[in-house]
Structure formats: structure tokens, C-alpha cells
C-alpha atoms as a PDB file:
ATOM      1  CA  MET A   1      -8.348  19.345   6.722  1.00  0.00           C
ATOM      2  CA  LYS A   2      -5.121  17.987   5.244  1.00  0.00           C
ATOM      3  CA  ASN A   3      -4.674  17.058   1.585  1.00  0.00           C
ATOM      4  CA  VAL A   4      -3.075  13.632   1.243  1.00  0.00           C
ATOM      5  CA  VAL A   5      -1.893  12.334  -2.132  1.00  0.00           C
ATOM      6  CA  ILE A   6      -1.382   8.560  -2.333  1.00  0.00           C
ATOM      7  CA  LEU A   7       0.746   7.420  -5.274  1.00  0.00           C
ATOM      8  CA  GLY A   8       0.653   3.774  -6.314  1.00  0.00           C
ATOM      9  CA  TYR A   9      -0.573   1.039  -8.600  1.00  0.00           C
ATOM     10  CA  ALA A  10      -4.263   0.238  -8.774  1.00  0.00           C
ATOM     11  CA  SER A  11      -5.378  -3.375  -8.531  1.00  0.00           C
ATOM     12  CA  LEU A  12      -8.387  -5.625  -8.332  1.00  0.00           C
ATOM     13  CA  ASP A  13      -7.452  -8.675  -6.268  1.00  0.00           C
ATOM     14  CA  HIS A  14      -8.245 -12.323  -6.926  1.00  0.00           C
ATOM     15  CA  VAL A  15      -7.497 -14.743  -4.089  1.00  0.00           C
ATOM     16  CA  ILE A  16      -7.174 -18.515  -4.322  1.00  0.00           C
ATOM     17  CA  ALA A  17      -5.843 -21.284  -2.069  1.00  0.00           C
ATOM     18  CA  LEU A  18      -4.103 -24.439  -3.292  1.00  0.00           C
ATOM     19  CA  ASP A  19      -3.943 -27.992  -1.952  1.00  0.00           C
ATOM     20  CA  GLY A  20      -0.185 -28.120  -2.423  1.00  0.00           C
ATOM     21  CA  PRO A  21       2.816 -26.273  -3.887  1.00  0.00           C
ATOM     22  CA  ALA A  22       2.472 -25.050  -7.460  1.00  0.00           C
ATOM     23  CA  VAL A  23       4.910 -27.238  -9.402  1.00  0.00           C
ATOM     24  CA  PRO A  24       5.595 -26.872 -13.151  1.00  0.00           C
ATOM     25  CA  GLY A  25       4.281 -29.847 -15.110  1.00  0.00           C
ATOM     26  CA  GLN A  26       2.015 -30.942 -12.277  1.00  0.00           C
ATOM     27  CA  THR A  27      -1.654 -30.233 -11.591  1.00  0.00           C
ATOM     28  CA  THR A  28      -2.386 -28.481  -8.306  1.00  0.00           C
ATOM     29  CA  ARG A  29      -5.984 -28.174  -7.211  1.00  0.00           C
ATOM     30  CA  ILE A  30      -7.645 -24.985  -6.043  1.00  0.00           C
ATOM     31  CA  THR A  31      -9.239 -25.564  -2.659  1.00  0.00           C
ATOM     32  CA  GLU A  32     -10.778 -22.135  -2.160  1.00  0.00           C
ATOM     33  CA  ARG A  33     -11.907 -19.249  -4.369  1.00  0.00           C
ATOM     34  CA  ARG A  34     -14.406 -17.130  -2.488  1.00  0.00           C
ATOM     35  CA  GLU A  35     -16.706 -14.793  -4.362  1.00  0.00           C
ATOM     36  CA  ASP A  36     -15.962 -11.849  -2.063  1.00  0.00           C
ATOM     37  CA  ALA A  37     -12.234 -12.260  -2.751  1.00  0.00           C
ATOM     38  CA  TRP A  38     -12.561 -12.537  -6.503  1.00  0.00           C
ATOM     39  CA  ASN A  39     -12.438  -9.169  -8.237  1.00  0.00           C
ATOM     40  CA  ARG A  40     -12.043  -7.410  -4.875  1.00  0.00           C
ATOM     41  CA  MET A  41     -10.736  -3.875  -4.473  1.00  0.00           C
ATOM     42  CA  GLY A  42      -7.019  -3.941  -3.832  1.00  0.00           C
ATOM     43  CA  GLY A  43      -3.769  -2.057  -4.218  1.00  0.00           C
ATOM     44  CA  ALA A  44      -2.152   0.212  -1.639  1.00  0.00           C
ATOM     45  CA  PRO A  45      -3.986   3.428  -2.698  1.00  0.00           C
ATOM     46  CA  TRP A  46      -7.321   1.748  -1.939  1.00  0.00           C
ATOM     47  CA  PHE A  47      -6.390   0.218   1.416  1.00  0.00           C
ATOM     48  CA  ILE A  48      -4.801   3.471   2.596  1.00  0.00           C
ATOM     49  CA  ALA A  49      -7.513   5.818   1.296  1.00  0.00           C
ATOM     50  CA  ARG A  50     -10.350   3.885   2.927  1.00  0.00           C
ATOM     51  CA  ILE A  51      -8.809   4.129   6.404  1.00  0.00           C
ATOM     52  CA  LEU A  52      -7.857   7.796   6.066  1.00  0.00           C
ATOM     53  CA  GLU A  53     -11.348   8.655   4.837  1.00  0.00           C
ATOM     54  CA  GLN A  54     -12.921   6.764   7.751  1.00  0.00           C
ATOM     55  CA  ALA A  55     -10.814   8.814  10.155  1.00  0.00           C
ATOM     56  CA  SER A  56     -12.204  12.029   8.598  1.00  0.00           C
ATOM     57  CA  SER A  57      -8.857  13.722   9.089  1.00  0.00           C
ATOM     58  CA  CYS A  58      -8.061  14.556   5.486  1.00  0.00           C
ATOM     59  CA  GLN A  59      -9.056  14.572   1.846  1.00  0.00           C
ATOM     60  CA  THR A  60      -7.354  11.668   0.113  1.00  0.00           C
ATOM     61  CA  VAL A  61      -6.294  11.930  -3.515  1.00  0.00           C
ATOM     62  CA  PRO A  62      -5.176   8.588  -4.972  1.00  0.00           C
ATOM     63  CA  VAL A  63      -2.868   9.019  -7.973  1.00  0.00           C
ATOM     64  CA  THR A  64      -3.070   5.852 -10.043  1.00  0.00           C
ATOM     65  CA  TRP A  65      -3.956   4.412 -13.452  1.00  0.00           C
ATOM     66  CA  ILE A  66      -6.814   2.182 -14.592  1.00  0.00           C
ATOM     67  CA  GLY A  67      -8.292   1.049 -17.900  1.00  0.00           C
ATOM     68  CA  ASP A  68     -11.549   2.189 -19.494  1.00  0.00           C
ATOM     69  CA  ASP A  69     -13.136  -1.205 -18.924  1.00  0.00           C
ATOM     70  CA  ARG A  70     -15.796  -2.504 -16.522  1.00  0.00           C
ATOM     71  CA  SER A  71     -13.171  -3.190 -13.870  1.00  0.00           C
ATOM     72  CA  GLY A  72     -12.043   0.415 -14.135  1.00  0.00           C
ATOM     73  CA  GLU A  73     -15.612   1.618 -13.663  1.00  0.00           C
ATOM     74  CA  TYR A  74     -15.892  -0.561 -10.572  1.00  0.00           C
ATOM     75  CA  TYR A  75     -12.625   0.824  -9.189  1.00  0.00           C
ATOM     76  CA  LEU A  76     -13.727   4.440  -9.718  1.00  0.00           C
ATOM     77  CA  SER A  77     -17.126   3.783  -8.167  1.00  0.00           C
ATOM     78  CA  ALA A  78     -15.583   2.188  -5.066  1.00  0.00           C
ATOM     79  CA  MET A  79     -13.211   5.127  -4.576  1.00  0.00           C
ATOM     80  CA  LYS A  80     -16.091   7.598  -4.843  1.00  0.00           C
ATOM     81  CA  GLU A  81     -18.140   5.569  -2.377  1.00  0.00           C
ATOM     82  CA  ILE A  82     -15.554   5.936   0.409  1.00  0.00           C
ATOM     83  CA  GLY A  83     -15.216   9.671  -0.279  1.00  0.00           C
ATOM     84  CA  ALA A  84     -11.803   9.676  -1.949  1.00  0.00           C
ATOM     85  CA  SER A  85     -11.139  12.173  -4.724  1.00  0.00           C
ATOM     86  CA  THR A  86     -10.910  10.688  -8.215  1.00  0.00           C
ATOM     87  CA  ALA A  87      -9.089  13.730  -9.636  1.00  0.00           C
ATOM     88  CA  GLY A  88      -5.790  11.829  -9.681  1.00  0.00           C
ATOM     89  CA  ILE A  89      -7.106   8.575 -11.175  1.00  0.00           C
ATOM     90  CA  ARG A  90      -6.087   8.469 -14.828  1.00  0.00           C
ATOM     91  CA  VAL A  91      -8.250   6.348 -17.124  1.00  0.00           C
ATOM     92  CA  ILE A  92      -6.102   4.994 -19.975  1.00  0.00           C
ATOM     93  CA  PRO A  93      -8.117   4.698 -23.222  1.00  0.00           C
ATOM     94  CA  GLY A  94      -8.003   1.125 -24.472  1.00  0.00           C
ATOM     95  CA  GLY A  95      -6.249   0.026 -21.290  1.00  0.00           C
ATOM     96  CA  ARG A  96      -7.034  -2.964 -19.094  1.00  0.00           C
ATOM     97  CA  THR A  97      -7.356  -2.353 -15.354  1.00  0.00           C
ATOM     98  CA  PRO A  98      -4.586  -4.144 -13.415  1.00  0.00           C
ATOM     99  CA  VAL A  99      -5.265  -7.276 -11.395  1.00  0.00           C
ATOM    100  CA  THR A 100      -3.350  -9.200  -8.749  1.00  0.00           C
ATOM    101  CA  LEU A 101      -3.560 -12.942  -8.173  1.00  0.00           C
ATOM    102  CA  MET A 102      -2.797 -13.883  -4.573  1.00  0.00           C
ATOM    103  CA  VAL A 103      -2.109 -17.620  -4.606  1.00  0.00           C
ATOM    104  CA  TYR A 104      -1.765 -19.212  -1.169  1.00  0.00           C
ATOM    105  CA  GLU A 105      -0.076 -22.588  -0.638  1.00  0.00           C
ATOM    106  CA  PRO A 106      -0.949 -24.805   2.383  1.00  0.00           C
ATOM    107  CA  SER A 107       2.169 -23.518   4.185  1.00  0.00           C
ATOM    108  CA  GLY A 108       0.642 -20.043   4.173  1.00  0.00           C
ATOM    109  CA  GLU A 109       3.260 -18.732   1.764  1.00  0.00           C
ATOM    110  CA  ALA A 110       1.822 -16.544  -0.981  1.00  0.00           C
ATOM    111  CA  ILE A 111       2.660 -16.229  -4.648  1.00  0.00           C
ATOM    112  CA  CYS A 112       1.825 -12.698  -5.776  1.00  0.00           C
ATOM    113  CA  LEU A 113       1.223 -12.317  -9.518  1.00  0.00           C
ATOM    114  CA  TYR A 114       0.605  -8.780 -10.762  1.00  0.00           C
ATOM    115  CA  ASP A 115      -0.777  -8.034 -14.198  1.00  0.00           C
ATOM    116  CA  PRO A 116      -0.027  -4.325 -14.756  1.00  0.00           C
ATOM    117  CA  LEU A 117      -1.949  -1.988 -16.973  1.00  0.00           C
ATOM    118  CA  PRO A 118      -0.440  -2.480 -20.425  1.00  0.00           C
ATOM    119  CA  ALA A 119       0.608   0.488 -22.518  1.00  0.00           C
ATOM    120  CA  ALA A 120      -2.016   1.447 -25.090  1.00  0.00           C
ATOM    121  CA  GLY A 121      -0.164   2.882 -28.072  1.00  0.00           C
ATOM    122  CA  ASP A 122       2.243   5.486 -26.701  1.00  0.00           C
ATOM    123  CA  THR A 123       0.308   5.865 -23.441  1.00  0.00           C
ATOM    124  CA  ARG A 124       1.855   4.411 -20.307  1.00  0.00           C
ATOM    125  CA  PRO A 125       1.431   5.165 -16.600  1.00  0.00           C
ATOM    126  CA  SER A 126       3.241   8.427 -15.816  1.00  0.00           C
ATOM    127  CA  LEU A 127       2.655  11.672 -13.973  1.00  0.00           C
ATOM    128  CA  GLU A 128       0.847  14.299 -15.999  1.00  0.00           C
ATOM    129  CA  ALA A 129       0.571  18.038 -15.362  1.00  0.00           C
ATOM    130  CA  GLY A 130      -2.634  17.564 -13.366  1.00  0.00           C
ATOM    131  CA  HIS A 131      -0.963  14.975 -11.132  1.00  0.00           C
ATOM    132  CA  ARG A 132       1.981  17.286 -10.502  1.00  0.00           C
ATOM    133  CA  ASP A 133      -0.387  20.084  -9.486  1.00  0.00           C
ATOM    134  CA  LEU A 134      -2.184  17.802  -7.035  1.00  0.00           C
ATOM    135  CA  ILE A 135       1.123  16.706  -5.501  1.00  0.00           C
ATOM    136  CA  ALA A 136       2.337  20.315  -5.240  1.00  0.00           C
ATOM    137  CA  GLN A 137      -0.767  21.118  -3.166  1.00  0.00           C
ATOM    138  CA  ALA A 138      -0.446  18.120  -0.844  1.00  0.00           C
ATOM    139  CA  ASP A 139       0.310  18.389   2.865  1.00  0.00           C
ATOM    140  CA  TRP A 140       1.259  14.714   2.865  1.00  0.00           C
ATOM    141  CA  LEU A 141       2.627  12.553   0.052  1.00  0.00           C
ATOM    142  CA  VAL A 142       2.247   8.810   0.594  1.00  0.00           C
ATOM    143  CA  LEU A 143       4.462   6.759  -1.698  1.00  0.00           C
ATOM    144  CA  THR A 144       3.584   3.129  -2.380  1.00  0.00           C
ATOM    145  CA  ILE A 145       4.676   0.818  -5.188  1.00  0.00           C
ATOM    146  CA  ALA A 146       4.463   2.750  -8.472  1.00  0.00           C
ATOM    147  CA  PRO A 147       6.395   3.290 -11.721  1.00  0.00           C
ATOM    148  CA  ALA A 148       9.895   4.512 -10.860  1.00  0.00           C
ATOM    149  CA  ASP A 149       9.698   7.653 -12.995  1.00  0.00           C
ATOM    150  CA  ALA A 150       6.353   8.584 -11.411  1.00  0.00           C
ATOM    151  CA  THR A 151       7.794   8.200  -7.898  1.00  0.00           C
ATOM    152  CA  LEU A 152      10.802  10.347  -8.804  1.00  0.00           C
ATOM    153  CA  ALA A 153       8.566  13.022 -10.335  1.00  0.00           C
ATOM    154  CA  ALA A 154       6.358  13.009  -7.240  1.00  0.00           C
ATOM    155  CA  LEU A 155       9.365  13.645  -5.003  1.00  0.00           C
ATOM    156  CA  GLU A 156      10.487  16.484  -7.253  1.00  0.00           C
ATOM    157  CA  ASN A 157       7.046  18.140  -7.215  1.00  0.00           C
ATOM    158  CA  CYS A 158       6.073  17.876  -3.557  1.00  0.00           C
ATOM    159  CA  ARG A 159       6.475  20.931  -1.339  1.00  0.00           C
ATOM    160  CA  SER A 160       9.580  21.209   0.813  1.00  0.00           C
ATOM    161  CA  ASP A 161       7.378  21.436   3.915  1.00  0.00           C
ATOM    162  CA  ALA A 162       5.166  18.482   2.945  1.00  0.00           C
ATOM    163  CA  LYS A 163       5.448  15.275   4.937  1.00  0.00           C
ATOM    164  CA  VAL A 164       6.451  12.157   3.012  1.00  0.00           C
ATOM    165  CA  ALA A 165       5.460   8.628   4.043  1.00  0.00           C
ATOM    166  CA  TRP A 166       6.751   5.552   2.243  1.00  0.00           C
ATOM    167  CA  VAL A 167       5.035   2.175   2.368  1.00  0.00           C
ATOM    168  CA  ALA A 168       7.877   0.025   1.052  1.00  0.00           C
ATOM    169  CA  LYS A 169       7.671  -3.090  -1.062  1.00  0.00           C
ATOM    170  CA  LYS A 170      10.349  -5.087  -2.862  1.00  0.00           C
ATOM    171  CA  ASP A 171      10.102  -4.514  -6.607  1.00  0.00           C
ATOM    172  CA  ALA A 172      13.264  -4.094  -8.658  1.00  0.00           C
ATOM    173  CA  HIS A 173      11.374  -2.485 -11.541  1.00  0.00           C
ATOM    174  CA  ALA A 174       9.787   0.166  -9.340  1.00  0.00           C
ATOM    175  CA  LEU A 175      12.705   0.760  -7.004  1.00  0.00           C
ATOM    176  CA  PRO A 176      16.140   1.108  -8.662  1.00  0.00           C
ATOM    177  CA  PRO A 177      19.014   1.938  -6.241  1.00  0.00           C
ATOM    178  CA  HIS A 178      19.169   5.662  -7.061  1.00  0.00           C
ATOM    179  CA  LEU A 179      15.450   6.052  -6.327  1.00  0.00           C
ATOM    180  CA  LEU A 180      15.707   4.108  -3.062  1.00  0.00           C
ATOM    181  CA  GLU A 181      18.347   6.588  -1.930  1.00  0.00           C
ATOM    182  CA  ARG A 182      16.181   9.587  -2.839  1.00  0.00           C
ATOM    183  CA  ILE A 183      13.204   8.193  -0.953  1.00  0.00           C
ATOM    184  CA  VAL A 184      15.033   7.431   2.295  1.00  0.00           C
ATOM    185  CA  GLN A 185      16.596  10.904   2.239  1.00  0.00           C
ATOM    186  CA  ARG A 186      13.188  12.594   1.922  1.00  0.00           C
ATOM    187  CA  ALA A 187      10.927  10.332   3.985  1.00  0.00           C
ATOM    188  CA  ASP A 188       9.523  11.343   7.367  1.00  0.00           C
ATOM    189  CA  ILE A 189       8.139   7.859   8.068  1.00  0.00           C
ATOM    190  CA  ILE A 190       8.862   4.489   6.445  1.00  0.00           C
ATOM    191  CA  PHE A 191       6.780   1.332   6.751  1.00  0.00           C
ATOM    192  CA  CYS A 192       8.340  -2.005   5.800  1.00  0.00           C
ATOM    193  CA  SER A 193       7.892  -5.701   6.454  1.00  0.00           C
ATOM    194  CA  GLU A 194      10.522  -7.936   8.011  1.00  0.00           C
ATOM    195  CA  THR A 195      11.553  -9.215   4.571  1.00  0.00           C
ATOM    196  CA  GLU A 196      12.183  -5.632   3.407  1.00  0.00           C
ATOM    197  CA  GLY A 197      13.810  -4.441   6.623  1.00  0.00           C
ATOM    198  CA  SER A 198      17.417  -5.294   5.750  1.00  0.00           C
ATOM    199  CA  THR A 199      17.173  -3.471   2.409  1.00  0.00           C
ATOM    200  CA  ILE A 200      15.761  -0.371   4.088  1.00  0.00           C
ATOM    201  CA  ARG A 201      18.370  -0.396   6.868  1.00  0.00           C
ATOM    202  CA  ASP A 202      21.213  -0.798   4.383  1.00  0.00           C
ATOM    203  CA  ALA A 203      19.879   2.194   2.444  1.00  0.00           C
ATOM    204  CA  LEU A 204      19.561   4.249   5.630  1.00  0.00           C
ATOM    205  CA  ALA A 205      23.115   3.382   6.630  1.00  0.00           C
ATOM    206  CA  GLY A 206      24.432   4.599   3.282  1.00  0.00           C
ATOM    207  CA  THR A 207      22.741   8.000   3.123  1.00  0.00           C
ATOM    208  CA  GLN A 208      21.663  10.969   5.233  1.00  0.00           C
ATOM    209  CA  ALA A 209      18.100  10.428   6.422  1.00  0.00           C
ATOM    210  CA  LYS A 210      16.069  12.925   8.443  1.00  0.00           C
ATOM    211  CA  PRO A 211      17.082  12.897  12.124  1.00  0.00           C
ATOM    212  CA  ASP A 212      13.503  12.351  13.305  1.00  0.00           C
ATOM    213  CA  LEU A 213      12.696   9.629  10.768  1.00  0.00           C
ATOM    214  CA  ILE A 214      10.149   7.112  12.049  1.00  0.00           C
ATOM    215  CA  LEU A 215      10.788   3.528  10.924  1.00  0.00           C
ATOM    216  CA  VAL A 216       7.985   0.981  11.353  1.00  0.00           C
ATOM    217  CA  GLU A 217       8.770  -2.678  10.702  1.00  0.00           C
ATOM    218  CA  THR A 218       6.091  -5.363  10.760  1.00  0.00           C
ATOM    219  CA  TYR A 219       6.513  -9.038  11.678  1.00  0.00           C
ATOM    220  CA  GLY A 220       3.108 -10.516  10.915  1.00  0.00           C
ATOM    221  CA  ARG A 221       1.667 -12.330  13.916  1.00  0.00           C
ATOM    222  CA  ARG A 222       4.708 -11.300  16.007  1.00  0.00           C
ATOM    223  CA  GLY A 223       3.752  -7.632  15.995  1.00  0.00           C
ATOM    224  CA  SER A 224       5.652  -4.535  14.909  1.00  0.00           C
ATOM    225  CA  SER A 225       8.542  -2.314  15.934  1.00  0.00           C
ATOM    226  CA  LEU A 226       8.893   1.460  16.063  1.00  0.00           C
ATOM    227  CA  GLU A 227      12.327   3.045  15.712  1.00  0.00           C
ATOM    228  CA  ILE A 228      13.131   6.751  16.211  1.00  0.00           C
ATOM    229  CA  ARG A 229      16.668   8.122  16.611  1.00  0.00           C
ATOM    230  CA  GLY A 230      18.039   4.626  17.104  1.00  0.00           C
ATOM    231  CA  GLU A 231      15.599   3.746  19.895  1.00  0.00           C
ATOM    232  CA  ARG A 232      13.479   0.724  19.049  1.00  0.00           C
ATOM    233  CA  THR A 233      10.191  -0.261  20.687  1.00  0.00           C
ATOM    234  CA  LEU A 234       8.479  -3.619  20.106  1.00  0.00           C
ATOM    235  CA  LEU A 235       4.684  -3.737  20.093  1.00  0.00           C
ATOM    236  CA  GLN A 236       2.625  -6.898  20.398  1.00  0.00           C
ATOM    237  CA  PRO A 237      -0.440  -7.324  18.143  1.00  0.00           C
ATOM    238  CA  PRO A 238      -3.941  -7.024  19.665  1.00  0.00           C
ATOM    239  CA  ALA A 239      -4.407 -10.744  18.932  1.00  0.00           C
ATOM    240  CA  THR A 240      -3.498 -13.316  16.304  1.00  0.00           C
ATOM    241  CA  LEU A 241      -5.950 -14.580  13.722  1.00  0.00           C
ATOM    242  CA  PRO A 242      -5.594 -17.664  11.495  1.00  0.00           C
ATOM    243  CA  VAL A 243      -6.645 -15.842   8.318  1.00  0.00           C
ATOM    244  CA  LEU A 244      -5.945 -17.354   4.919  1.00  0.00           C
ATOM    245  CA  ASP A 245      -5.560 -14.020   3.162  1.00  0.00           C
ATOM    246  CA  PRO A 246      -3.717 -11.203   5.012  1.00  0.00           C
ATOM    247  CA  CYS A 247      -3.318  -9.130   1.816  1.00  0.00           C
ATOM    248  CA  GLY A 248      -3.694  -5.417   2.612  1.00  0.00           C
ATOM    249  CA  ALA A 249      -2.986  -5.738   6.343  1.00  0.00           C
ATOM    250  CA  GLY A 250       0.352  -3.937   6.041  1.00  0.00           C
ATOM    251  CA  ASP A 251      -1.150  -1.087   4.022  1.00  0.00           C
ATOM    252  CA  THR A 252      -3.997  -0.834   6.524  1.00  0.00           C
ATOM    253  CA  LEU A 253      -1.555  -0.696   9.438  1.00  0.00           C
ATOM    254  CA  ALA A 254       0.311   2.119   7.685  1.00  0.00           C
ATOM    255  CA  ALA A 255      -2.931   3.991   7.028  1.00  0.00           C
ATOM    256  CA  GLY A 256      -4.145   3.695  10.604  1.00  0.00           C
ATOM    257  CA  THR A 257      -0.807   4.965  11.885  1.00  0.00           C
ATOM    258  CA  LEU A 258      -0.831   7.864   9.442  1.00  0.00           C
ATOM    259  CA  SER A 259      -4.398   8.805  10.333  1.00  0.00           C
ATOM    260  CA  CYS A 260      -3.225   9.563  13.882  1.00  0.00           C
ATOM    261  CA  LEU A 261      -0.042  11.338  12.840  1.00  0.00           C
ATOM    262  CA  ILE A 262      -1.922  13.522  10.350  1.00  0.00           C
ATOM    263  CA  ARG A 263      -4.363  14.531  13.102  1.00  0.00           C
ATOM    264  CA  ASP A 264      -1.472  15.035  15.571  1.00  0.00           C
ATOM    265  CA  ALA A 265      -3.327  12.579  17.770  1.00  0.00           C
ATOM    266  CA  GLY A 266      -0.853  11.286  20.333  1.00  0.00           C
ATOM    267  CA  SER A 267       2.637   9.838  20.145  1.00  0.00           C
ATOM    268  CA  PRO A 268       4.080   7.754  17.277  1.00  0.00           C
ATOM    269  CA  GLU A 269       3.710   4.692  19.524  1.00  0.00           C
ATOM    270  CA  ALA A 270       0.015   5.417  20.083  1.00  0.00           C
ATOM    271  CA  ALA A 271      -0.374   5.966  16.339  1.00  0.00           C
ATOM    272  CA  LEU A 272       1.216   2.603  15.547  1.00  0.00           C
ATOM    273  CA  ARG A 273      -1.043   0.891  18.070  1.00  0.00           C
ATOM    274  CA  GLN A 274      -4.018   2.370  16.217  1.00  0.00           C
ATOM    275  CA  GLY A 275      -2.606   1.109  12.930  1.00  0.00           C
ATOM    276  CA  MET A 276      -2.209  -2.383  14.360  1.00  0.00           C
ATOM    277  CA  GLN A 277      -5.788  -2.256  15.614  1.00  0.00           C
ATOM    278  CA  ASP A 278      -7.035  -1.276  12.147  1.00  0.00           C
ATOM    279  CA  ALA A 279      -5.093  -4.154  10.583  1.00  0.00           C
ATOM    280  CA  TYR A 280      -6.558  -6.542  13.153  1.00  0.00           C
ATOM    281  CA  HIS A 281     -10.059  -5.293  12.334  1.00  0.00           C
ATOM    282  CA  LEU A 282      -9.491  -5.953   8.623  1.00  0.00           C
ATOM    283  CA  LEU A 283      -8.319  -9.500   9.314  1.00  0.00           C
ATOM    284  CA  SER A 284     -11.153 -10.094  11.784  1.00  0.00           C
ATOM    285  CA  GLN A 285     -13.691  -9.164   9.115  1.00  0.00           C
ATOM    286  CA  ARG A 286     -12.026 -11.605   6.714  1.00  0.00           C
ATOM    287  CA  GLN A 287     -12.044 -14.365   9.314  1.00  0.00           C
ATOM    288  CA  ASN A 288     -15.758 -13.861   9.923  1.00  0.00           C
ATOM    289  CA  SER A 289     -16.387 -13.968   6.175  1.00  0.00           C
ATOM    290  CA  GLU A 290     -14.433 -17.221   5.852  1.00  0.00           C
ATOM    291  CA  GLU A 291     -16.316 -18.843   8.747  1.00  0.00           C
ATOM    292  CA  LYS A 292     -19.712 -18.004   7.200  1.00  0.00           C
ATOM    293  CA  GLU A 293     -18.909 -19.958   4.053  1.00  0.00           C
END
């Protein structure tokens, strides 16, 4: 069984829909705020760990930070329930567990508001000795959005023979140019959305990436592409679903793909197809939940 460390921010998600664009100085009404999408488990470590644990191909070790509040207790409990290790989850005394507000306008565009865990005294999210030990033991290191110094330290502490996957996201605070270069040099597989694709390709063009790097780019309802050694393959989605809240679909696609690659189960194309199927299943469950209300 492989050890997989997943580095990234924790979050509890809160999802709302609006009846129009959010305009300063103007009241915009909330049209939907479902109970099952209010204080819901979120953040890349959660979405990725749950799929990898379902596949029973590895032991997942999320490395993240939460507060010692009720939300933190809920987060820890949910991670334990799916079988993920909690050895890398740091509870910050006096801290407040992070939350994300996903605000959807009628156009389908989302406003993502993240409230990070605030520093409590001199304590702030960073890699500690225990985290470094966990990363040094990992067969796979999965990088998601995290504090820049923690990401850099993770790269410095992972084994030379460990595989590195990066689930990219635009965040200037978490991804300064020098760190972006380090990641693309070390990564074995990169997942990005269409909006992040140009940034990733520019970085790849300016540095020496691994010759067998796998690049996965997602296009929402238009499917995904797989690129290896300059050869690009387009894959259509299993189906399209009119879901209000697609949050987590990209992380789930990455996790489903990785679950196959970690098990050495088939080609990269077959792995990506599995990832797309897992993302579809997530959205299908959400659609069914929306229709019941």
C-alpha cells in the first residue's frame, strides 16, 4: 500500500446562489442556501483523500491546519470516518477553522471567498518536524493550494524517488513565480483548469520539466485533455449535468486519475477517464440532492 501525503488548506464550504450580480451599494437576494451545502466538508485535501480512500490503493495523510473549535472537531471526525490519517492535521490552539463561501450568480459564475485560519499569537500554518517526517516517508506527494513556504518545504523534504502531483489553482499569495518554477520542474503530473492553463504552459516553456510529465487540463462541460511529450488527447465527459455547485469536481477528477496511476491500473488516458467518471458521480449526487428539495 502506498503512502500519499496531500498538502493543502482545509475548508468548510458554504454555498449560496444569488438572484443577480453582487453589486456594491445594492441589495442582492439569496435564492438558495441548502442545508447540506452549508458547513460542508471542503478543501482539496478532503476531496482528494475521500476518493483515494475509496479506491483502497493507499493510505492518505492530509497535511493541513484547523482551529480547536467545533468546526475543527467536525473536520477531524469526517477525515477519520473516510479512513484518512489525521497525523498530519495540525490543530492550532485558539485558531478558527477556515471556511469558503461559494457565491453563485445567475450566469453560473462563482465568487470564491476564502477565510483562512488566522494566526494565533506567533502560530501560523507551517510545516513542523512531524509534517516533514511524514512527507519524507511518502511514495506520493500531492500538492494543492497551501502556504508558499509550506509547499517549498514539502518539495525539499520529499524523497527523490517519490512521485509529485500538483493540483494547480491561481493564488498569488500561495504561488510566487520562484515556487511555480520549482513545482513544474519536480512534478510528474499537473492538473489545471482552462483558466490556469496558460500560466502553467508559460511556466513549462520557461523551465526544464520532466520528459514524461503528464498535463491534464479541464474544460468544465467540454471535457478534459491529456498531454504527454507534446501529444494531446481530448476526452469528452461522460455526460453534462446542470448543477448549481460544481465545487470540488476538479479535485475529484484529479483524485480519481491518481487512484489509477498509484495502482498502476492502465494507461494515463484510462486513468483520466476514471477521474472524469468520479467527478461526474460527485455532480450527479449533487443534482439528485438539489432535485429532492
